[in-house]
Amino acid sequence: MNALIENNYIKEMECGSNFSYILSDNSTFLSTEYKVLQSQANSCFVKCMKMMYNGKVQLYYLTKGLKSFSSMISSMDSENFLTIVANILSDIIDVKHNGFLSCQNIDIAFEHIYVDSTTHKVSLVYLPLSKRLYDDNASFENEIRTGLVKLISGVSTLSTPKTMQFSADLSNGMLSIEDLFARIKGGKSTGVGQSHIGQTDVGGGRASSGLLRIIAMNAPSRVEIAVTKDEFVIGKKAELCDGVIAFNKMISRSHCRISKRGNQYTITDLQSANGTFVNKVKLQPNQPHPINNGDIIRLANSDFQVCIG
């Protein structure tokens, strides 16, 4: 869900083959960013026009002739998928280096990433508003990483050795967006994150076949925890936990418990202050919830990918 829609700052309206956003408060419109969008010919953005609708600013996006990324996924092979993803990352890097625009106002929902089906050129939707879609760049990057990981694990036609390796790279918080782009293009990354899934975890065990691991996404350093006991507590206080996450103060001292019964894993929130989520659904305290390979767990405001095997 677009956070600005959820909080009633904007309203989406379909306009034939195009679409628009109607602002609830005209003062949130940023004319400077809008002028930057208009000045960039052949840019990575969907063409945006400012109009008025019943006295409200309307941002009208010209998407005719383009296909949404989400509509293409079911008929896409892994090579075309990776090509389009590389173009998405390239566009994001361009925005990061732009100096006038912010990644925090890119609508990264897959239904609002548009693709030329012939050339695979990607066009992004940008909202020139003072209200940001994401609190910071880390939140923005976490959203795109999480979405791509879920796609790769959830769409069978995309699950190839190359895409699964890229999924592991997406889950490696030490790799930047630039590193990910370099890897998907077959080059060497420039970052320090050269480790891969299967190395020693911070919970004291070693990842091996059949174990469940949770791997941090966008952490300041690589964090991978292997669940080595049938009842495994995770939190920030070492004396209370089997697996320690120290980089985020929002995580409770004993935040959650992962349990194993046969081949099934569950996660239970231990009345944490800031909540435990599975695929964006908040868990009720002390109520076990099943988790599976590829799921995204959120502890407070940090995301982790579940890897089993």
Protein backbone atom coordinates (compact mmCIF):
# COMPACT_ATOMS: atom_id res chain seq x y z
CA MET A 1 0.00 0.00 0.00
CA ASN A 2 1.28 3.46 -0.93
CA ALA A 3 1.85 5.16 2.45
CA LEU A 4 0.60 8.50 1.14
CA ILE A 5 -2.67 6.92 0.01
CA GLU A 6 -2.99 5.05 3.30
CA ASN A 7 -2.63 8.35 5.21
CA ASN A 8 -5.00 10.22 2.86
CA TYR A 9 -2.37 12.63 1.53
CA ILE A 10 -3.18 11.57 -2.04
CA LYS A 11 -5.89 9.67 -3.90
CA GLU A 12 -5.24 7.52 -6.97
CA MET A 13 -7.51 7.81 -10.00
CA GLU A 14 -7.50 5.75 -13.18
CA CYS A 15 -7.52 7.79 -16.39
CA GLY A 16 -7.99 5.30 -19.21
CA SER A 17 -4.57 3.83 -19.99
CA ASN A 18 -2.94 6.47 -17.75
CA PHE A 19 -3.40 7.24 -14.06
CA SER A 20 -3.14 10.20 -11.69
CA TYR A 21 -2.75 11.16 -8.06
CA ILE A 22 -5.00 13.86 -6.54
CA LEU A 23 -3.41 15.80 -3.67
CA SER A 24 -5.54 16.39 -0.57
CA ASP A 25 -3.38 19.43 0.32
CA ASN A 26 -2.03 21.55 -2.55
CA SER A 27 0.71 22.97 -0.30
CA THR A 28 2.52 19.61 -0.36
CA PHE A 29 3.28 20.02 -4.08
CA LEU A 30 6.96 20.86 -4.73
CA SER A 31 7.25 23.03 -7.83
CA THR A 32 11.06 22.81 -7.85
CA GLU A 33 11.09 19.00 -8.06
CA TYR A 34 8.32 19.13 -10.66
CA LYS A 35 10.42 21.49 -12.81
CA VAL A 36 13.38 19.11 -12.51
CA LEU A 37 11.16 16.28 -13.77
CA GLN A 38 10.05 18.39 -16.74
CA SER A 39 13.60 19.40 -17.63
CA GLN A 40 14.99 15.88 -17.93
CA ALA A 41 14.39 14.70 -21.47
CA ASN A 42 14.70 10.94 -22.02
CA SER A 43 14.88 10.48 -18.26
CA CYS A 44 14.10 7.38 -16.24
CA PHE A 45 10.72 8.77 -15.16
CA VAL A 46 7.18 8.36 -16.42
CA LYS A 47 6.08 11.67 -17.97
CA CYS A 48 4.22 13.69 -15.31
CA MET A 49 1.85 16.63 -15.91
CA LYS A 50 0.47 18.96 -13.27
CA MET A 51 -3.26 19.63 -13.70
CA MET A 52 -6.15 20.78 -11.51
CA TYR A 53 -9.10 18.60 -10.48
CA ASN A 54 -11.92 20.22 -8.48
CA GLY A 55 -9.45 22.75 -7.12
CA LYS A 56 -6.89 20.10 -6.15
CA VAL A 57 -3.48 19.52 -7.73
CA GLN A 58 -3.58 16.46 -9.97
CA LEU A 59 -0.36 14.68 -10.95
CA TYR A 60 -1.18 13.01 -14.26
CA TYR A 61 1.15 10.20 -15.42
CA LEU A 62 1.32 9.22 -19.10
CA THR A 63 1.75 5.45 -19.12
CA LYS A 64 0.04 4.64 -22.40
CA GLY A 65 2.10 2.16 -24.43
CA LEU A 66 3.94 0.88 -21.37
CA LYS A 67 3.28 -2.22 -19.29
CA SER A 68 3.47 -2.43 -15.53
CA PHE A 69 6.21 -4.68 -14.17
CA SER A 70 3.64 -6.63 -12.14
CA SER A 71 1.56 -7.45 -15.24
CA MET A 72 4.58 -8.93 -17.03
CA ILE A 73 5.92 -11.19 -14.30
CA SER A 74 3.70 -14.25 -14.93
CA SER A 75 4.89 -14.57 -18.54
CA MET A 76 8.51 -13.55 -17.95
CA ASP A 77 11.54 -15.85 -17.99
CA SER A 78 14.42 -15.36 -15.58
CA GLU A 79 16.73 -13.67 -18.11
CA ASN A 80 14.18 -10.99 -19.03
CA PHE A 81 13.38 -10.57 -15.34
CA LEU A 82 17.02 -9.92 -14.49
CA THR A 83 17.37 -7.52 -17.42
CA ILE A 84 14.43 -5.46 -16.20
CA VAL A 85 15.64 -5.58 -12.59
CA ALA A 86 19.06 -4.34 -13.76
CA ASN A 87 17.34 -1.43 -15.47
CA ILE A 88 15.36 -0.66 -12.31
CA LEU A 89 18.56 -0.59 -10.26
CA SER A 90 20.27 1.56 -12.89
CA ASP A 91 17.42 4.09 -12.70
CA ILE A 92 17.58 4.13 -8.90
CA ILE A 93 21.33 4.79 -9.03
CA ASP A 94 20.70 7.67 -11.45
CA VAL A 95 18.22 9.22 -8.99
CA LYS A 96 20.64 8.77 -6.08
CA HIS A 97 23.27 10.71 -8.03
CA ASN A 98 20.85 13.31 -9.40
CA GLY A 99 21.27 15.78 -6.55
CA PHE A 100 17.83 17.38 -7.07
CA LEU A 101 15.45 14.46 -6.51
CA SER A 102 15.05 11.89 -3.75
CA CYS A 103 14.58 8.12 -3.88
CA GLN A 104 12.17 8.57 -0.97
CA ASN A 105 9.52 9.80 -3.43
CA ILE A 106 9.77 7.05 -6.03
CA ASP A 107 6.64 4.88 -6.13
CA ILE A 108 8.41 1.52 -6.09
CA ALA A 109 5.23 -0.61 -6.14
CA PHE A 110 5.62 -3.12 -8.96
CA GLU A 111 2.29 -2.08 -10.49
CA HIS A 112 3.74 1.44 -10.83
CA ILE A 113 7.08 0.48 -12.34
CA TYR A 114 6.55 0.71 -16.10
CA VAL A 115 8.41 -1.17 -18.81
CA ASP A 116 8.72 -0.85 -22.57
CA SER A 117 8.03 -4.49 -23.52
CA THR A 118 10.22 -4.20 -26.64
CA THR A 119 13.35 -2.59 -25.21
CA HIS A 120 12.83 -3.42 -21.50
CA LYS A 121 13.56 0.24 -20.69
CA VAL A 122 12.14 1.07 -17.26
CA SER A 123 10.24 4.24 -16.28
CA LEU A 124 9.66 5.13 -12.63
CA VAL A 125 6.84 7.15 -11.08
CA TYR A 126 8.06 10.15 -9.06
CA LEU A 127 5.88 12.22 -6.73
CA PRO A 128 7.17 15.81 -6.37
CA LEU A 129 5.75 16.26 -2.87
CA SER A 130 7.01 17.45 0.50
CA LYS A 131 5.38 14.35 2.04
CA ARG A 132 7.73 11.46 1.44
CA LEU A 133 6.73 7.90 0.58
CA TYR A 134 9.63 6.56 2.67
CA ASP A 135 11.20 7.92 5.84
CA ASP A 136 14.75 7.56 4.49
CA ASN A 137 16.75 5.96 1.68
CA ALA A 138 17.34 2.82 3.75
CA SER A 139 13.58 2.24 4.03
CA PHE A 140 13.20 2.77 0.29
CA GLU A 141 15.99 0.33 -0.57
CA ASN A 142 14.67 -2.22 1.91
CA GLU A 143 11.26 -2.11 0.20
CA ILE A 144 12.66 -2.85 -3.26
CA ARG A 145 15.00 -5.55 -1.96
CA THR A 146 12.22 -7.26 0.01
CA GLY A 147 9.81 -7.14 -2.92
CA LEU A 148 12.32 -8.68 -5.33
CA VAL A 149 13.27 -11.45 -2.90
CA LYS A 150 9.59 -12.37 -2.48
CA LEU A 151 9.09 -12.41 -6.26
CA ILE A 152 12.03 -14.72 -6.86
CA SER A 153 10.96 -17.16 -4.14
CA GLY A 154 7.25 -16.98 -5.02
CA VAL A 155 7.23 -17.31 -8.83
CA SER A 156 8.41 -20.73 -9.96
CA THR A 157 9.52 -19.60 -13.45
CA LEU A 158 11.93 -17.13 -11.86
CA SER A 159 13.64 -19.66 -9.57
CA THR A 160 16.87 -20.43 -11.42
CA PRO A 161 20.38 -20.74 -9.95
CA LYS A 162 21.24 -17.25 -11.23
CA THR A 163 18.17 -15.59 -9.74
CA MET A 164 18.51 -17.48 -6.46
CA GLN A 165 22.09 -16.24 -6.17
CA PHE A 166 20.84 -12.73 -6.85
CA SER A 167 18.20 -13.21 -4.15
CA ALA A 168 21.00 -14.07 -1.72
CA ASP A 169 22.84 -10.91 -2.80
CA LEU A 170 19.69 -8.84 -2.22
CA SER A 171 19.56 -10.20 1.33
CA ASN A 172 23.18 -9.28 2.01
CA GLY A 173 23.02 -5.95 3.85
CA MET A 174 26.68 -5.26 3.10
CA LEU A 175 26.00 -4.98 -0.64
CA SER A 176 24.88 -1.56 -1.88
CA ILE A 177 22.47 -0.95 -4.75
CA GLU A 178 25.53 -0.22 -6.90
CA ASP A 179 27.06 -3.56 -5.88
CA LEU A 180 23.83 -5.38 -6.76
CA PHE A 181 23.75 -3.72 -10.17
CA ALA A 182 27.37 -4.74 -10.80
CA ARG A 183 26.65 -8.34 -9.83
CA ILE A 184 23.51 -8.67 -11.91
CA LYS A 185 25.51 -7.37 -14.91
CA GLY A 186 28.20 -9.93 -14.28
CA GLY A 187 30.86 -7.61 -12.91
CA LYS A 188 32.57 -7.35 -9.55
CA SER A 189 30.92 -5.42 -6.77
CA THR A 190 32.71 -2.49 -5.22
CA GLY A 191 31.51 -3.03 -1.65
CA VAL A 192 33.07 -5.03 1.13
CA GLY A 193 30.25 -7.59 1.30
CA GLN A 194 31.80 -10.58 -0.39
CA SER A 195 30.41 -13.22 1.98
CA HIS A 196 27.60 -15.53 0.91
CA ILE A 197 24.93 -17.61 2.60
CA GLY A 198 26.38 -20.56 4.49
CA GLN A 199 29.06 -18.78 6.55
CA THR A 200 29.25 -18.51 10.33
CA ASP A 201 26.25 -16.75 11.86
CA VAL A 202 26.09 -14.36 14.81
CA GLY A 203 23.97 -16.72 16.88
CA GLY A 204 26.82 -19.06 17.70
CA GLY A 205 25.97 -21.88 15.29
CA ARG A 206 27.00 -22.67 11.75
CA ALA A 207 24.52 -22.79 8.91
CA SER A 208 24.17 -26.28 7.47
CA SER A 209 21.74 -28.25 5.37
CA GLY A 210 18.20 -28.28 6.78
CA LEU A 211 18.68 -25.39 9.20
CA LEU A 212 16.58 -22.26 9.20
CA ARG A 213 18.52 -19.02 8.96
CA ILE A 214 17.36 -15.44 9.06
CA ILE A 215 19.47 -12.98 7.07
CA ALA A 216 19.31 -9.25 7.68
CA MET A 217 18.39 -6.95 4.82
CA ASN A 218 20.09 -3.52 4.80
CA ALA A 219 21.80 -4.00 8.15
CA PRO A 220 24.96 -1.91 8.70
CA SER A 221 26.97 -5.14 8.58
CA ARG A 222 26.23 -8.72 7.63
CA VAL A 223 23.94 -10.38 10.18
CA GLU A 224 22.96 -14.03 9.70
CA ILE A 225 21.50 -16.15 12.46
CA ALA A 226 21.15 -19.93 12.24
CA VAL A 227 18.43 -21.49 14.39
CA THR A 228 20.33 -24.35 16.03
CA LYS A 229 17.77 -25.36 18.70
CA ASP A 230 14.13 -26.46 18.64
CA GLU A 231 13.30 -23.42 20.82
CA PHE A 232 15.45 -20.48 19.76
CA VAL A 233 15.01 -17.01 21.27
CA ILE A 234 16.13 -13.90 19.36
CA GLY A 235 16.64 -10.43 20.81
CA LYS A 236 19.27 -7.86 21.73
CA LYS A 237 20.27 -9.03 25.25
CA ALA A 238 22.79 -11.86 25.08
CA GLU A 239 21.96 -13.25 28.52
CA LEU A 240 18.34 -13.88 27.49
CA CYS A 241 18.77 -15.04 23.89
CA ASP A 242 20.20 -17.75 21.69
CA GLY A 243 20.64 -15.37 18.74
CA VAL A 244 21.62 -11.75 19.36
CA ILE A 245 20.75 -8.76 17.15
CA ALA A 246 22.70 -5.82 18.51
CA PHE A 247 22.52 -3.27 15.69
CA ASN A 248 18.92 -2.12 16.29
CA LYS A 249 17.86 -0.65 19.65
CA MET A 250 14.19 -0.96 18.63
CA ILE A 251 14.43 -4.74 18.99
CA SER A 252 13.44 -5.97 22.45
CA ARG A 253 15.76 -7.77 24.85
CA SER A 254 13.97 -11.06 24.11
CA HIS A 255 11.95 -10.21 21.02
CA CYS A 256 10.69 -13.47 19.49
CA ARG A 257 11.09 -17.24 19.54
CA ILE A 258 11.49 -19.56 16.57
CA SER A 259 10.30 -23.11 17.24
CA LYS A 260 10.76 -26.30 15.23
CA ARG A 261 8.29 -29.19 15.26
CA GLY A 262 9.33 -31.86 12.79
CA ASN A 263 9.91 -30.04 9.51
CA GLN A 264 7.70 -27.06 10.38
CA TYR A 265 8.96 -23.80 11.84
CA THR A 266 6.91 -21.21 13.70
CA ILE A 267 7.73 -17.78 15.10
CA THR A 268 6.19 -16.30 18.25
CA ASP A 269 6.31 -12.68 19.35
CA LEU A 270 7.40 -12.49 23.00
CA GLN A 271 5.41 -9.36 23.83
CA SER A 272 8.03 -7.19 22.14
CA ALA A 273 7.70 -3.42 22.39
CA ASN A 274 7.69 -2.81 18.62
CA GLY A 275 6.20 -5.98 17.21
CA THR A 276 7.03 -9.00 15.07
CA PHE A 277 5.69 -9.24 11.51
CA VAL A 278 5.60 -12.02 8.89
CA ASN A 279 5.21 -10.75 5.33
CA LYS A 280 3.97 -7.40 6.73
CA VAL A 281 1.30 -9.02 8.94
CA LYS A 282 1.74 -8.14 12.62
CA LEU A 283 1.66 -11.13 14.96
CA GLN A 284 -0.36 -11.35 18.14
CA PRO A 285 1.90 -11.79 21.21
CA ASN A 286 2.46 -15.37 22.36
CA GLN A 287 0.64 -16.80 19.30
CA PRO A 288 2.87 -19.05 17.10
CA HIS A 289 2.78 -18.28 13.38
CA PRO A 290 4.18 -20.62 10.65
CA ILE A 291 7.16 -19.43 8.62
CA ASN A 292 8.46 -20.82 5.35
CA ASN A 293 11.44 -20.45 3.05
CA GLY A 294 11.50 -16.99 1.47
CA ASP A 295 9.23 -15.31 4.04
CA ILE A 296 10.20 -11.85 5.27
CA ILE A 297 10.25 -11.38 9.04
CA ARG A 298 10.24 -7.87 10.49
CA LEU A 299 11.49 -7.39 14.03
CA ALA A 300 10.58 -3.83 15.06
CA ASN A 301 11.72 -1.98 11.90
CA SER A 302 14.39 -4.42 10.65
CA ASP A 303 13.66 -7.00 7.95
CA PHE A 304 15.11 -10.49 7.71
CA GLN A 305 14.70 -13.12 5.00
CA VAL A 306 13.95 -16.71 6.02
CA CYS A 307 16.22 -19.28 4.35
CA ILE A 308 15.73 -22.99 5.00
CA GLY A 309 18.18 -25.54 3.65
